[in-house]
């Protein structure tokens, strides 16, 4: 399992185009963000942890039954705005998606308008903590409140892309 996570992180690193000569280094894992225009940037775990965090208890049906857990971290919307990868015209948000990829290649898709406060405003988290402890693996997990199943709660997040 650890090998798959490292392979996924390595693959995500290949997708990064250097911004100011910097890319994600294996010893300093972080998050690759891709805008709808193809612009790529990255944030370190420290930068993500410095964003205002919220804590939510989230329940969903998992592979082995019902799960209820407390996730803490910045809202995904806050992260996308901070990274400047959300287009300025809110009308365009209704046709756009947010694709989150885990280190193992697992992906889940949200509608951008689903998390945009001007529309639904669902508070999807990019959790750095689960039940008061740091998230294992890459240190990031997407947590989607209100989903009956946990399929969009991506573990070991390494890449988030806005498209449409």
Protein backbone atom coordinates (compact mmCIF):
# COMPACT_ATOMS: atom_id res chain seq x y z
CA UNK A 1 0.00 0.00 0.00
CA UNK A 2 2.83 2.42 0.89
CA UNK A 3 4.53 1.64 -2.43
CA UNK A 4 1.33 2.53 -4.32
CA UNK A 5 1.09 5.83 -2.43
CA UNK A 6 4.69 6.72 -3.27
CA UNK A 7 4.18 5.74 -6.91
CA UNK A 8 1.09 7.93 -7.11
CA UNK A 9 2.97 10.88 -5.61
CA UNK A 10 5.80 10.36 -8.09
CA UNK A 11 3.32 10.32 -10.97
CA UNK A 12 1.66 13.49 -9.70
CA UNK A 13 5.08 15.14 -9.54
CA UNK A 14 5.58 14.43 -13.24
CA UNK A 15 2.43 16.39 -13.98
CA UNK A 16 3.81 19.53 -12.34
CA UNK A 17 5.15 22.26 -14.56
CA UNK A 18 7.70 24.33 -12.66
CA UNK A 19 6.48 27.66 -11.30
CA UNK A 20 9.41 29.88 -10.48
CA UNK A 21 11.68 26.86 -10.85
CA UNK A 22 10.05 24.98 -7.95
CA UNK A 23 8.36 21.61 -8.01
CA UNK A 24 7.18 19.29 -5.28
CA UNK A 25 10.15 17.41 -3.89
CA UNK A 26 9.74 13.87 -2.58
CA UNK A 27 11.07 14.96 0.83
CA UNK A 28 8.56 17.84 1.03
CA UNK A 29 5.22 16.43 -0.12
CA UNK A 30 2.48 18.86 -0.95
CA UNK A 31 -0.42 19.40 -3.25
CA UNK A 32 -0.47 20.11 -6.98
CA UNK A 33 -3.26 22.44 -8.11
CA UNK A 34 -4.28 22.86 -11.74
CA UNK A 35 -6.53 25.67 -12.95
CA UNK A 36 -9.02 25.50 -15.80
CA UNK A 37 -6.52 27.40 -17.96
CA UNK A 38 -3.86 24.73 -17.34
CA UNK A 39 -1.81 26.87 -14.97
CA UNK A 40 -0.19 24.71 -12.30
CA UNK A 41 0.93 25.63 -8.82
CA UNK A 42 1.67 23.77 -5.62
CA UNK A 43 1.17 24.27 -1.92
CA UNK A 44 3.14 22.66 0.87
CA UNK A 45 1.46 20.95 3.80
CA UNK A 46 2.60 23.88 5.96
CA UNK A 47 0.87 26.38 3.65
CA UNK A 48 -2.31 24.31 3.69
CA UNK A 49 -2.18 23.94 7.49
CA UNK A 50 -1.81 27.74 7.82
CA UNK A 51 -5.25 28.29 6.22
CA UNK A 52 -8.23 28.76 8.55
CA UNK A 53 -9.44 25.28 9.52
CA UNK A 54 -12.89 24.06 10.45
CA UNK A 55 -13.88 20.82 12.15
CA UNK A 56 -16.87 18.77 11.04
CA UNK A 57 -18.26 15.42 12.11
CA UNK A 58 -18.94 13.50 8.93
CA UNK A 59 -20.81 10.20 8.60
CA UNK A 60 -20.96 7.95 5.57
CA UNK A 61 -21.27 4.32 4.57
CA UNK A 62 -17.77 2.93 4.03
CA UNK A 63 -16.44 -0.36 2.68
CA UNK A 64 -16.83 -1.99 6.11
CA UNK A 65 -20.04 -0.32 7.33
CA UNK A 66 -21.09 3.01 8.80
CA UNK A 67 -18.31 5.49 9.60
CA UNK A 68 -18.53 8.65 11.73
CA UNK A 69 -15.38 10.69 12.15
CA UNK A 70 -14.26 14.27 12.83
CA UNK A 71 -12.23 15.93 10.11
CA UNK A 72 -10.37 19.24 10.50
CA UNK A 73 -8.80 21.33 7.77
CA UNK A 74 -9.45 24.22 5.42
CA UNK A 75 -12.55 24.23 3.24
CA UNK A 76 -11.71 23.17 -0.31
CA UNK A 77 -13.22 26.42 -1.63
CA UNK A 78 -10.82 28.48 0.54
CA UNK A 79 -7.90 26.48 -0.80
CA UNK A 80 -8.92 26.95 -4.45
CA UNK A 81 -9.41 30.70 -3.97
CA UNK A 82 -6.05 30.99 -2.13
CA UNK A 83 -4.34 29.19 -5.02
CA UNK A 84 -6.09 31.53 -7.50
CA UNK A 85 -7.34 28.71 -9.69
CA UNK A 86 -11.06 29.60 -9.53
CA UNK A 87 -12.26 31.65 -12.52
CA UNK A 88 -13.59 35.08 -11.59
CA UNK A 89 -16.98 34.85 -13.31
CA UNK A 90 -19.33 32.90 -10.98
CA UNK A 91 -21.61 32.10 -13.92
CA UNK A 92 -18.89 29.86 -15.34
CA UNK A 93 -18.79 27.82 -12.11
CA UNK A 94 -22.02 25.98 -12.94
CA UNK A 95 -20.32 24.12 -15.80
CA UNK A 96 -17.01 23.41 -14.09
CA UNK A 97 -15.68 20.48 -12.07
CA UNK A 98 -13.13 19.85 -9.34
CA UNK A 99 -11.25 16.57 -9.75
CA UNK A 100 -9.36 15.34 -6.69
CA UNK A 101 -6.71 12.64 -7.13
CA UNK A 102 -5.16 10.45 -4.45
CA UNK A 103 -1.61 9.12 -4.45
CA UNK A 104 -2.91 5.74 -5.66
CA UNK A 105 -4.58 7.34 -8.70
CA UNK A 106 -8.11 7.21 -7.24
CA UNK A 107 -10.16 10.21 -8.38
CA UNK A 108 -13.44 11.81 -7.37
CA UNK A 109 -15.28 14.67 -9.05
CA UNK A 110 -17.34 17.50 -7.54
CA UNK A 111 -19.22 20.25 -9.32
CA UNK A 112 -17.46 23.58 -8.67
CA UNK A 113 -20.84 25.22 -8.00
CA UNK A 114 -21.43 22.56 -5.32
CA UNK A 115 -18.67 24.11 -3.15
CA UNK A 116 -19.01 27.74 -4.33
CA UNK A 117 -20.65 29.83 -1.56
CA UNK A 118 -22.53 31.76 -4.30
CA UNK A 119 -24.33 28.51 -5.18
CA UNK A 120 -24.67 25.46 -2.87
CA UNK A 121 -21.71 26.29 -0.64
CA UNK A 122 -21.13 22.70 0.56
CA UNK A 123 -18.24 22.81 3.01
CA UNK A 124 -15.98 20.12 1.58
CA UNK A 125 -12.77 19.93 3.63
CA UNK A 126 -9.22 19.22 2.68
CA UNK A 127 -8.59 17.60 6.04
CA UNK A 128 -5.19 17.65 7.69
CA UNK A 129 -6.52 15.97 10.85
CA UNK A 130 -8.90 13.06 11.49
CA UNK A 131 -10.23 12.53 15.01
CA UNK A 132 -7.65 14.97 16.38
CA UNK A 133 -4.64 13.22 14.81
CA UNK A 134 -2.70 14.13 11.65
CA UNK A 135 -4.06 12.45 8.53
CA UNK A 136 -1.76 9.58 7.60
CA UNK A 137 -0.15 9.09 4.18
CA UNK A 138 0.31 12.37 2.31
CA UNK A 139 -1.29 14.27 5.18
CA UNK A 140 -4.38 15.29 3.20
CA UNK A 141 -7.86 13.82 2.80
CA UNK A 142 -10.86 15.25 1.04
CA UNK A 143 -13.91 14.97 3.30
CA UNK A 144 -17.35 15.49 1.74
CA UNK A 145 -20.21 16.15 4.17
CA UNK A 146 -23.68 14.96 3.25
CA UNK A 147 -22.61 12.10 0.98
CA UNK A 148 -24.33 8.84 1.90
CA UNK A 149 -21.31 6.85 0.70
CA UNK A 150 -17.67 7.79 1.26
CA UNK A 151 -16.54 7.47 -2.36
CA UNK A 152 -15.69 11.16 -2.76
CA UNK A 153 -13.67 11.27 0.48
CA UNK A 154 -10.33 10.83 -1.29
CA UNK A 155 -7.37 9.63 0.79
CA UNK A 156 -3.76 10.75 0.26
CA UNK A 157 -4.68 13.76 -1.90
CA UNK A 158 -1.85 14.82 -4.22
CA UNK A 159 -3.63 16.74 -6.98
CA UNK A 160 -6.72 18.91 -7.41
CA UNK A 161 -7.75 20.21 -10.84
CA UNK A 162 -10.48 22.67 -11.79
CA UNK A 163 -11.80 22.05 -15.28
CA UNK A 164 -14.68 22.56 -17.58
